[in-house]
Amino acid sequence: MGMEFGWWKTTQEDGKFQIVVNVHGGNIEWSRKQGHHAQWVAYGPPDEEDWDRLIFEAEKRVPRRLISPKQFAAIKALRPGCDLK
C-alpha cells in the first residue's frame, strides 16, 4: 500500500513551495510544486530537515493507526545513513 506525505516549505532562494513524498514498496519519490497551476517536478536531494519532517509526519500517523509501526520502521530505514536495514 502506498503512503503519501505532504507539507509546505519556505526557503530564501525559492520562496514557498509544496513538497509531497510518495512511499510505495520500499521506494521513495520526492516531488515539489510552486504555485497553484505549476506542474509537479522531482525534488532532491532532500536535506536533513526534509528527512526530519518526513519522519515527524509519519510518526504522527502511527498512534492514529493510519500507518503501522512496521510501515513507520520501513520509512525510517529509507533514510540515507540509517542502519536499520
Protein backbone atom coordinates (compact mmCIF):
# COMPACT_ATOMS: atom_id res chain seq x y z
CA MET A 1 0.00 0.00 0.00
CA GLY A 2 1.36 3.41 -0.93
CA MET A 3 1.63 6.28 1.51
CA GLU A 4 1.70 9.98 0.73
CA PHE A 5 3.03 12.74 2.96
CA GLY A 6 3.00 16.43 2.21
CA TRP A 7 3.90 19.81 3.71
CA TRP A 8 4.89 23.34 2.75
CA LYS A 9 8.46 24.62 2.91
CA THR A 10 9.90 28.12 2.55
CA THR A 11 13.45 28.95 1.51
CA GLN A 12 15.08 32.26 0.70
CA GLU A 13 16.11 31.12 -2.77
CA ASP A 14 12.82 29.54 -3.92
CA GLY A 15 10.19 31.08 -1.66
CA LYS A 16 7.24 28.93 -0.57
CA PHE A 17 6.62 25.57 -2.23
CA GLN A 18 4.82 22.32 -1.54
CA ILE A 19 6.62 19.00 -1.02
CA VAL A 20 4.95 15.62 -1.48
CA VAL A 21 6.64 12.32 -0.67
CA ASN A 22 5.25 9.03 -2.01
CA VAL A 23 6.43 5.81 -0.37
CA HIS A 24 5.47 2.55 -2.05
CA GLY A 25 7.05 -0.89 -1.87
CA GLY A 26 10.35 0.24 -0.44
CA ASN A 27 10.71 3.07 -2.98
CA ILE A 28 10.50 6.76 -2.17
CA GLU A 29 9.71 9.61 -4.56
CA TRP A 30 10.10 13.29 -3.64
CA SER A 31 8.16 15.90 -5.65
CA ARG A 32 7.62 19.62 -5.35
CA LYS A 33 5.49 22.31 -6.89
CA GLN A 34 5.49 26.05 -6.55
CA GLY A 35 2.24 27.78 -7.36
CA HIS A 36 -1.27 26.56 -7.94
CA HIS A 37 -1.00 25.97 -11.68
CA ALA A 38 2.57 24.66 -11.74
CA GLN A 39 3.41 21.05 -12.53
CA TRP A 40 4.95 18.62 -10.06
CA VAL A 41 8.70 18.24 -10.57
CA ALA A 42 11.25 15.95 -8.96
CA TYR A 43 12.65 17.29 -5.71
CA GLY A 44 16.01 16.35 -4.40
CA PRO A 45 18.22 15.52 -2.93
CA PRO A 46 16.30 16.07 0.30
CA ASP A 47 18.31 17.59 3.15
CA GLU A 48 18.30 16.53 6.81
CA GLU A 49 15.45 18.96 7.59
CA ASP A 50 13.29 17.30 4.90
CA TRP A 51 14.01 13.82 6.28
CA ASP A 52 13.25 15.01 9.82
CA ARG A 53 9.92 16.43 8.65
CA LEU A 54 9.03 13.19 6.83
CA ILE A 55 9.78 11.13 9.95
CA PHE A 56 7.75 13.60 12.05
CA GLU A 57 4.74 13.40 9.69
CA ALA A 58 4.91 9.58 9.61
CA GLU A 59 5.28 9.36 13.39
CA LYS A 60 2.07 11.37 13.86
CA ARG A 61 0.12 8.75 11.88
CA VAL A 62 1.19 5.71 13.93
CA PRO A 63 -0.96 6.38 17.06
CA ARG A 64 -3.99 7.08 14.86
CA ARG A 65 -3.36 3.73 13.10
CA LEU A 66 -3.10 5.33 9.68
CA ILE A 67 0.20 3.50 9.25
CA SER A 68 1.53 0.54 11.18
CA PRO A 69 4.70 0.53 13.29
CA LYS A 70 6.21 -1.79 10.66
CA GLN A 71 5.50 0.74 7.89
CA PHE A 72 6.96 3.51 10.05
CA ALA A 73 10.15 1.47 10.56
CA ALA A 74 10.36 0.91 6.79
CA ILE A 75 10.16 4.67 6.17
CA LYS A 76 12.90 5.33 8.72
CA ALA A 77 15.06 2.66 7.05
CA LEU A 78 14.85 4.53 3.71
CA ARG A 79 16.78 7.48 5.17
CA PRO A 80 20.37 7.55 3.89
CA GLY A 81 22.89 6.66 6.57
CA CYS A 82 20.27 4.80 8.59
CA ASP A 83 21.50 1.47 9.98
CA LEU A 84 18.05 -0.12 10.44
CA LYS A 85 18.29 -2.16 7.21
